[in-house]
Protein backbone atom coordinates (compact mmCIF):
# COMPACT_ATOMS: atom_id res chain seq x y z
CA MET A 1 0.00 0.00 0.00
CA ARG A 2 1.45 3.29 -1.05
CA ASN A 3 -0.99 5.94 0.20
CA ILE A 4 -3.16 6.66 3.21
CA ILE A 5 -6.76 7.35 2.26
CA LEU A 6 -9.18 8.84 4.77
CA ILE A 7 -12.88 8.13 4.38
CA GLY A 8 -15.84 8.99 6.55
CA PRO A 9 -18.74 11.39 6.92
CA MET A 10 -18.59 15.15 6.66
CA GLY A 11 -17.34 16.63 9.88
CA ALA A 12 -15.15 13.64 10.78
CA GLY A 13 -11.95 15.70 10.47
CA LYS A 14 -10.52 14.05 7.35
CA THR A 15 -8.96 17.24 5.99
CA THR A 16 -7.55 18.51 9.28
CA ILE A 17 -6.16 15.13 10.31
CA GLY A 18 -4.95 14.42 6.78
CA ARG A 19 -2.88 17.61 6.63
CA ILE A 20 -1.21 16.81 9.96
CA LEU A 21 -0.52 13.25 8.87
CA ALA A 22 0.95 14.28 5.51
CA ASN A 23 3.18 16.82 7.21
CA ARG A 24 4.50 14.23 9.67
CA LEU A 25 5.24 11.80 6.85
CA GLY A 26 6.64 14.40 4.47
CA TRP A 27 4.01 13.28 1.94
CA GLN A 28 1.67 15.25 -0.29
CA PHE A 29 -1.82 15.99 0.97
CA HIS A 30 -4.88 16.14 -1.26
CA ASP A 31 -8.54 16.74 -0.48
CA SER A 32 -10.53 15.29 -3.38
CA ASP A 33 -13.28 17.93 -3.14
CA ARG A 34 -10.77 20.80 -3.23
CA GLU A 35 -8.99 19.17 -6.17
CA ILE A 36 -12.29 18.96 -8.08
CA GLU A 37 -12.88 22.66 -7.39
CA LYS A 38 -9.37 23.53 -8.62
CA ARG A 39 -9.74 21.46 -11.78
CA THR A 40 -13.20 22.77 -12.69
CA GLY A 41 -12.88 26.31 -11.41
CA ALA A 42 -16.29 25.86 -9.77
CA SER A 43 -17.42 25.25 -6.20
CA ILE A 44 -18.94 21.94 -5.19
CA PRO A 45 -22.36 23.59 -4.58
CA LEU A 46 -22.26 25.08 -8.09
CA ILE A 47 -21.34 21.71 -9.63
CA PHE A 48 -24.29 20.14 -7.77
CA ASP A 49 -26.59 22.93 -9.02
CA ILE A 50 -25.53 22.60 -12.65
CA GLU A 51 -24.76 18.88 -13.03
CA GLY A 52 -26.64 17.35 -10.11
CA GLU A 53 -25.21 14.79 -7.74
CA ALA A 54 -24.67 12.26 -10.56
CA GLY A 55 -22.48 14.72 -12.48
CA PHE A 56 -20.50 15.51 -9.37
CA ARG A 57 -20.01 11.79 -8.63
CA ASP A 58 -18.60 11.26 -12.14
CA ARG A 59 -16.11 14.08 -11.57
CA GLU A 60 -15.28 12.65 -8.15
CA HIS A 61 -14.52 9.23 -9.62
CA ASP A 62 -12.21 10.72 -12.27
CA MET A 63 -10.39 12.75 -9.61
CA LEU A 64 -9.97 9.73 -7.31
CA ALA A 65 -8.56 7.69 -10.21
CA ASP A 66 -6.04 10.45 -11.00
CA LEU A 67 -5.00 11.03 -7.41
CA THR A 68 -4.64 7.38 -6.40
CA ALA A 69 -2.40 6.66 -9.39
CA GLY A 70 0.45 8.25 -7.44
CA GLN A 71 2.10 7.28 -4.19
CA GLY A 72 3.35 8.90 -1.01
CA MET A 73 0.11 10.80 -0.49
CA VAL A 74 -2.53 11.30 2.17
CA LEU A 75 -5.95 11.68 0.56
CA ALA A 76 -9.06 13.03 2.27
CA THR A 77 -12.11 11.94 0.31
CA GLY A 78 -15.55 13.46 0.19
CA GLY A 79 -18.15 11.79 2.40
CA GLY A 80 -19.95 10.22 -0.56
CA ALA A 81 -16.88 8.82 -2.32
CA VAL A 82 -17.82 5.31 -1.15
CA LEU A 83 -21.23 5.35 -2.83
CA ARG A 84 -19.84 3.94 -6.07
CA GLU A 85 -18.47 0.41 -6.07
CA ASP A 86 -15.72 1.34 -8.53
CA ASN A 87 -14.54 4.05 -6.11
CA ARG A 88 -14.49 1.62 -3.19
CA LYS A 89 -12.38 -0.81 -5.18
CA LEU A 90 -10.06 1.95 -6.40
CA LEU A 91 -9.46 3.22 -2.87
CA ARG A 92 -8.81 -0.23 -1.38
CA GLU A 93 -6.35 -1.13 -4.13
CA ASN A 94 -4.32 2.07 -3.91
CA GLY A 95 -3.76 2.73 -0.24
CA LEU A 96 -4.47 2.00 3.36
CA VAL A 97 -8.08 3.09 3.77
CA VAL A 98 -8.89 4.51 7.20
CA TYR A 99 -12.50 5.15 8.18
CA LEU A 100 -12.73 8.05 10.61
CA PHE A 101 -15.97 7.25 12.39
CA THR A 102 -17.71 10.06 14.22
CA SER A 103 -21.16 10.26 15.74
CA VAL A 104 -24.05 12.03 14.04
CA GLU A 105 -24.16 14.43 16.99
CA ARG A 106 -20.49 15.40 16.50
CA GLN A 107 -21.08 15.79 12.75
CA PHE A 108 -24.01 18.07 13.47
CA GLU A 109 -21.90 20.21 15.84
CA ARG A 110 -19.11 20.55 13.27
CA THR A 111 -21.35 21.31 10.27
CA GLN A 112 -24.24 23.29 11.74
CA HIS A 113 -23.05 26.62 10.30
CA ASP A 114 -21.61 25.25 7.06
CA THR A 115 -23.16 26.67 3.89
CA GLN A 116 -20.91 24.83 1.42
CA ARG A 117 -22.21 21.27 1.77
CA PRO A 118 -24.99 20.80 -0.79
CA LEU A 119 -26.57 17.79 0.91
CA LEU A 120 -27.10 19.81 4.11
CA GLN A 121 -28.81 22.82 2.57
CA ASN A 122 -32.34 21.41 2.55
CA GLY A 123 -34.40 20.65 5.61
CA ASP A 124 -33.43 19.12 8.92
CA ARG A 125 -29.62 18.79 9.07
CA ARG A 126 -29.61 16.28 11.89
CA ALA A 127 -32.10 14.03 10.07
CA THR A 128 -30.06 14.32 6.86
CA LEU A 129 -26.85 13.43 8.70
CA GLN A 130 -28.57 10.42 10.29
CA ARG A 131 -29.92 9.24 6.95
CA LEU A 132 -26.48 9.59 5.34
CA MET A 133 -24.87 7.70 8.22
CA ASP A 134 -27.40 4.89 7.99
CA GLU A 135 -26.76 4.60 4.26
CA ARG A 136 -22.99 5.06 4.22
CA ASP A 137 -21.65 3.52 7.45
CA PRO A 138 -21.79 -0.05 6.05
CA LEU A 139 -19.99 1.16 2.91
CA TYR A 140 -17.29 2.91 4.95
CA ARG A 141 -16.78 -0.19 7.08
CA GLY A 142 -16.70 -2.47 4.04
CA THR A 143 -14.13 -0.30 2.30
CA ALA A 144 -11.81 0.46 5.22
CA HIS A 145 -8.78 -1.54 6.19
CA VAL A 146 -8.88 0.26 9.57
CA VAL A 147 -11.78 1.86 11.48
CA LEU A 148 -10.90 4.52 14.06
CA GLU A 149 -13.42 6.38 16.18
CA THR A 150 -12.54 10.05 16.40
CA GLY A 151 -14.43 10.63 19.67
CA GLY A 152 -13.08 13.66 21.48
CA GLN A 153 -9.47 13.13 20.42
CA THR A 154 -7.37 15.92 18.99
CA PRO A 155 -6.39 15.84 15.32
CA ARG A 156 -2.76 15.25 16.35
CA ALA A 157 -3.74 12.26 18.50
CA MET A 158 -5.75 10.87 15.58
CA ALA A 159 -2.75 11.31 13.26
CA ASP A 160 -0.65 9.33 15.78
CA ARG A 161 -3.26 6.56 15.79
CA ILE A 162 -3.31 6.43 11.99
CA LEU A 163 0.49 6.24 11.85
CA ALA A 164 0.45 3.34 14.31
CA ALA A 165 -2.30 1.59 12.34
CA SER A 166 -0.44 2.12 9.07
CA ARG A 167 2.66 0.43 10.44
CA GLN A 168 0.59 -2.47 11.79
CA ASN A 169 -0.96 -2.87 8.35
CA GLY A 170 2.35 -2.96 6.49
CA LEU A 171 2.35 0.51 4.97
CA GLU A 172 5.91 1.66 4.42
CA THR A 173 6.39 5.07 6.00
CA ASP A 174 9.43 7.04 7.03
CA ASP A 175 10.70 5.63 10.31
CA ASN A 176 11.26 9.15 11.58
CA PRO A 177 8.02 10.98 10.94
CA ARG A 178 8.07 14.72 11.39
CA GLY A 179 6.49 16.03 14.56
């Protein structure tokens, strides 16, 4: 395995933890949603408005295929990246996949003021988050090599846990990660 790939729901801390982890390893960090925005020149909400979720998911798949072709990278995926079977396979084959599990309540706390997540812009956020968790949790668990509960741990503590898990799962990392 040549990359570390973080999956999980919105608000799990994938981007924050991923940046810390990449810095410690001296690896590149990529957030698939931000990379889609860079490539298209459009925000995720705008892509959803113009192309719908299906159009966005096609772009997401293409971006994941491009990003996972490399190595020495930490990748934070969008929460729905696991919806497509071809994405799940792609992720598992190209890195150590770590599911950052977080409760619906914690997700709600972290996303309650967010205006950039298209799936949360209609109706009851908590109910939407619960529905997404019910739908996606089995997919996250089926895709992940490692499941870590974020709980109340700091992003640095989570990065430490991921590094330990990566070594236990045979991922070759620098023996002297940066602090």
